[in-house]
N, C-alpha and C. Protein backbone atom coordinates (compact mmCIF):
# COMPACT_ATOMS: atom_id res chain seq x y z
N THR A 1 26.66 -36.24 8.69
CA THR A 1 26.01 -37.54 7.87
C THR A 1 25.52 -36.88 6.63
N TYR A 2 24.94 -35.64 6.73
CA TYR A 2 24.30 -35.07 5.50
C TYR A 2 25.43 -35.34 4.31
N LEU A 3 26.51 -35.31 4.34
CA LEU A 3 27.53 -35.41 3.08
C LEU A 3 27.49 -36.70 2.52
N ILE A 4 27.39 -37.80 3.67
CA ILE A 4 27.67 -39.11 3.20
C ILE A 4 26.81 -39.64 2.64
N LEU A 5 25.48 -39.30 3.36
CA LEU A 5 24.21 -39.73 2.72
C LEU A 5 23.63 -39.14 1.80
N ALA A 6 23.95 -37.92 0.91
CA ALA A 6 24.02 -37.13 -0.46
C ALA A 6 24.39 -37.39 -1.69
N THR A 7 23.76 -37.60 -2.40
CA THR A 7 23.96 -38.49 -3.93
C THR A 7 24.39 -37.61 -4.54
N THR A 8 24.48 -36.16 -4.35
CA THR A 8 25.18 -34.91 -5.33
C THR A 8 25.67 -34.27 -4.32
N VAL A 9 27.11 -34.26 -4.39
CA VAL A 9 27.67 -32.98 -3.29
C VAL A 9 28.72 -32.56 -4.13
N HIS A 10 28.08 -31.21 -4.07
CA HIS A 10 29.09 -30.03 -5.08
C HIS A 10 30.13 -29.59 -3.93
N PRO A 11 31.43 -29.33 -4.99
CA PRO A 11 32.49 -29.07 -4.11
C PRO A 11 32.37 -28.15 -3.17
N TRP A 12 31.33 -27.33 -3.23
CA TRP A 12 31.87 -26.39 -1.97
C TRP A 12 31.44 -26.85 -0.77
N TYR A 13 30.46 -27.87 -0.64
CA TYR A 13 30.16 -28.34 0.75
C TYR A 13 31.19 -28.95 1.71
N LEU A 14 32.12 -28.97 0.64
CA LEU A 14 33.27 -29.84 1.21
C LEU A 14 33.98 -28.89 1.72
N ILE A 15 34.20 -27.39 1.72
CA ILE A 15 35.06 -26.32 2.27
C ILE A 15 35.54 -26.38 3.53
N THR A 16 34.02 -26.82 4.33
CA THR A 16 34.72 -26.56 5.70
C THR A 16 35.63 -27.99 6.32
N PRO A 17 34.95 -29.23 5.75
CA PRO A 17 36.04 -30.43 6.41
C PRO A 17 37.14 -30.44 5.92
N ILE A 18 37.76 -29.92 4.60
CA ILE A 18 39.17 -29.72 3.65
C ILE A 18 39.90 -28.77 4.74
N ALA A 19 39.05 -27.58 4.83
CA ALA A 19 39.72 -26.39 5.76
C ALA A 19 40.15 -27.03 7.28
N LEU A 20 39.03 -27.61 7.62
CA LEU A 20 39.70 -28.70 8.80
C LEU A 20 40.68 -29.52 8.52
N THR A 21 41.03 -29.91 7.69
CA THR A 21 42.51 -31.05 7.42
C THR A 21 43.59 -30.02 7.81
N ILE A 22 43.69 -28.69 8.03
CA ILE A 22 44.84 -27.99 8.08
C ILE A 22 45.40 -28.52 10.08
N PHE A 23 43.86 -28.63 11.22
CA PHE A 23 44.23 -28.55 11.90
C PHE A 23 44.56 -30.39 12.27
N LYS A 24 43.96 -31.23 12.12
CA LYS A 24 44.14 -32.70 11.93
C LYS A 24 44.31 -33.43 10.38
N PRO A 25 45.31 -33.28 9.81
CA PRO A 25 45.17 -33.89 8.22
C PRO A 25 44.30 -35.15 8.12
N ARG A 26 43.43 -35.24 7.31
CA ARG A 26 43.15 -36.63 6.87
C ARG A 26 42.99 -37.28 5.37
N ILE A 27 43.45 -38.02 4.81
CA ILE A 27 43.52 -38.45 3.58
C ILE A 27 42.39 -38.71 2.78
N TRP A 28 41.48 -39.28 3.53
CA TRP A 28 40.00 -39.39 3.13
C TRP A 28 39.45 -38.06 2.60
N VAL A 29 39.56 -36.95 3.42
CA VAL A 29 38.96 -35.96 3.10
C VAL A 29 39.51 -35.15 1.61
N ILE A 30 40.37 -35.34 1.34
CA ILE A 30 41.25 -34.61 0.40
C ILE A 30 40.86 -35.95 -0.94
N VAL A 31 40.96 -37.33 -0.66
CA VAL A 31 40.32 -38.16 -1.58
C VAL A 31 39.01 -37.66 -2.17
N TRP A 32 37.88 -37.42 -1.28
CA TRP A 32 36.88 -37.00 -1.22
C TRP A 32 36.43 -36.01 -2.18
N SER A 33 37.58 -34.89 -1.71
CA SER A 33 37.46 -33.92 -2.57
C SER A 33 37.61 -33.69 -3.74
N PHE A 34 38.33 -34.89 -4.18
CA PHE A 34 38.73 -35.22 -6.11
C PHE A 34 37.95 -35.85 -6.39
N MET A 35 37.55 -37.08 -5.83
CA MET A 35 36.53 -37.51 -6.15
C MET A 35 34.87 -36.93 -6.40
N ILE A 36 34.73 -36.03 -5.90
CA ILE A 36 33.48 -35.38 -5.76
C ILE A 36 32.74 -34.88 -7.25
N VAL A 37 34.04 -34.66 -8.09
CA VAL A 37 33.91 -34.66 -9.62
C VAL A 37 32.98 -35.41 -9.99
N LEU A 38 32.44 -36.59 -9.79
CA LEU A 38 31.73 -37.53 -10.39
C LEU A 38 30.71 -37.64 -10.09
N SER A 39 29.84 -36.65 -8.82
CA SER A 39 28.76 -36.40 -9.02
C SER A 39 28.19 -35.63 -9.79
N TYR A 40 28.80 -35.06 -10.60
CA TYR A 40 28.38 -33.85 -11.83
C TYR A 40 27.86 -34.99 -13.43
N SER A 41 28.38 -36.17 -12.90
CA SER A 41 27.49 -37.10 -14.08
C SER A 41 26.18 -36.79 -14.16
N THR A 42 25.51 -36.68 -12.95
CA THR A 42 24.05 -36.45 -13.25
C THR A 42 23.61 -35.73 -13.98
N TYR A 43 24.03 -34.38 -14.37
CA TYR A 43 24.21 -33.25 -15.36
C TYR A 43 24.44 -33.56 -16.71
N ALA A 44 25.21 -34.46 -17.19
CA ALA A 44 25.46 -35.00 -18.34
C ALA A 44 24.52 -35.32 -18.99
N ASN A 45 23.26 -35.84 -18.40
CA ASN A 45 22.18 -36.71 -19.15
C ASN A 45 20.94 -35.44 -18.77
N PRO A 46 20.36 -34.82 -19.97
CA PRO A 46 19.45 -34.23 -20.23
C PRO A 46 18.51 -34.45 -19.55
N SER A 47 17.72 -35.45 -18.71
CA SER A 47 16.79 -36.12 -17.91
C SER A 47 17.38 -36.27 -16.44
N PHE A 48 18.72 -35.90 -16.50
CA PHE A 48 19.29 -35.90 -14.61
C PHE A 48 19.14 -36.86 -14.23
N HIS A 49 19.43 -38.17 -14.69
CA HIS A 49 19.53 -39.71 -14.19
C HIS A 49 20.93 -39.62 -13.18
N GLN A 50 20.72 -40.03 -12.13
CA GLN A 50 21.97 -40.59 -11.45
C GLN A 50 22.55 -41.94 -12.05
N ASN A 51 23.88 -41.62 -12.54
CA ASN A 51 24.75 -43.05 -12.33
C ASN A 51 25.25 -43.67 -11.63
N TYR A 52 24.58 -44.46 -10.86
CA TYR A 52 24.58 -44.73 -9.46
C TYR A 52 26.03 -45.65 -9.59
N TRP A 53 26.56 -46.64 -10.71
CA TRP A 53 27.73 -46.70 -10.52
C TRP A 53 28.80 -46.34 -9.96
N LEU A 54 28.89 -44.97 -10.79
CA LEU A 54 29.65 -43.80 -10.37
C LEU A 54 29.79 -43.05 -8.59
N ILE A 55 28.69 -42.95 -8.83
CA ILE A 55 28.26 -42.59 -7.31
C ILE A 55 28.93 -43.62 -5.98
N THR A 56 28.48 -44.76 -6.30
CA THR A 56 28.83 -45.95 -5.81
C THR A 56 30.64 -46.06 -5.99
N PHE A 57 31.07 -46.17 -6.95
CA PHE A 57 32.49 -45.81 -7.00
C PHE A 57 33.35 -45.23 -6.77
N GLU A 58 32.60 -43.45 -6.07
CA GLU A 58 32.78 -42.58 -5.37
C GLU A 58 33.26 -43.44 -4.21
N TYR A 59 32.05 -43.67 -3.82
CA TYR A 59 31.71 -43.40 -2.02
C TYR A 59 32.59 -44.76 -1.45
N VAL A 60 32.61 -45.93 -2.12
CA VAL A 60 33.40 -46.74 -1.88
C VAL A 60 34.94 -46.65 -1.75
N THR A 61 35.46 -45.73 -3.09
CA THR A 61 36.44 -45.19 -2.55
C THR A 61 36.86 -44.44 -1.54
N VAL A 62 36.06 -43.79 -1.33
CA VAL A 62 36.14 -42.41 -0.21
C VAL A 62 35.94 -43.71 0.97
N ILE A 63 35.54 -44.55 1.37
CA ILE A 63 35.22 -45.43 2.62
C ILE A 63 36.68 -46.20 2.80
N VAL A 64 36.81 -46.80 1.56
CA VAL A 64 38.07 -47.79 1.61
C VAL A 64 39.45 -46.87 2.27
N VAL A 65 39.35 -45.64 1.61
CA VAL A 65 40.54 -44.70 2.29
C VAL A 65 40.25 -44.41 3.68
N TRP A 66 39.23 -44.23 3.99
CA TRP A 66 38.87 -43.96 5.38
C TRP A 66 39.07 -45.12 6.57
N ILE A 67 39.03 -46.58 5.98
CA ILE A 67 39.03 -47.56 6.45
C ILE A 67 40.81 -47.45 6.46
N LEU A 68 41.33 -47.62 5.74
CA LEU A 68 42.54 -47.86 5.47
C LEU A 68 43.67 -46.94 6.40
N GLU A 69 42.85 -45.36 6.42
CA GLU A 69 43.76 -44.54 7.10
C GLU A 69 43.70 -44.93 9.08
N LYS A 70 42.24 -45.41 9.13
CA LYS A 70 42.03 -45.98 10.66
C LYS A 70 42.70 -47.10 10.84
N LYS A 71 42.91 -47.94 10.31
CA LYS A 71 43.82 -49.46 10.17
C LYS A 71 45.21 -49.06 10.40
N TYR A 72 45.73 -48.24 9.76
CA TYR A 72 47.19 -48.24 9.68
C TYR A 72 47.45 -46.11 9.70
N PRO A 73 47.40 -45.98 10.68
CA PRO A 73 47.29 -44.41 10.54
C PRO A 73 48.84 -43.58 10.72
N ASN A 74 50.07 -44.63 10.91
CA ASN A 74 51.21 -44.12 10.74
C ASN A 74 51.49 -43.82 9.19
N GLN A 75 50.74 -45.14 8.81
CA GLN A 75 51.37 -45.54 7.07
C GLN A 75 50.41 -44.27 6.30
N MET A 76 49.31 -44.05 6.53
CA MET A 76 48.76 -43.33 5.72
C MET A 76 48.36 -41.50 6.38
N SER A 77 49.69 -41.42 7.17
CA SER A 77 49.93 -39.87 7.29
C SER A 77 50.02 -38.67 6.54
N LEU A 78 49.33 -37.41 6.54
CA LEU A 78 49.95 -36.48 5.67
C LEU A 78 51.13 -35.97 6.25
N THR A 79 51.25 -36.28 7.46
CA THR A 79 52.72 -35.28 8.04
C THR A 79 53.32 -36.50 8.41
N ARG A 80 54.81 -36.41 7.71
CA ARG A 80 55.74 -37.20 7.77
C ARG A 80 57.14 -36.66 9.25
N ALA A 81 56.89 -36.97 10.43
CA ALA A 81 57.54 -36.72 11.51
C ALA A 81 58.83 -37.12 11.47
């Protein structure tokens, strides 16, 4: 819950969820690990103002991938048997 509601998520915050994808592969966690770089846009501005468009894009992308993974579990699988 904390990670979903945070405006800035540093990459090392996702170490545990990424490690858990070994046991139960989740595409949305992998996508989030790549999208997390957008959280650093805050530090590009000297006054540390959030760019809510980038953060919204990040979270909407992760949520859409999560929904697609729930809706189409066989097509969105990381492990093909």
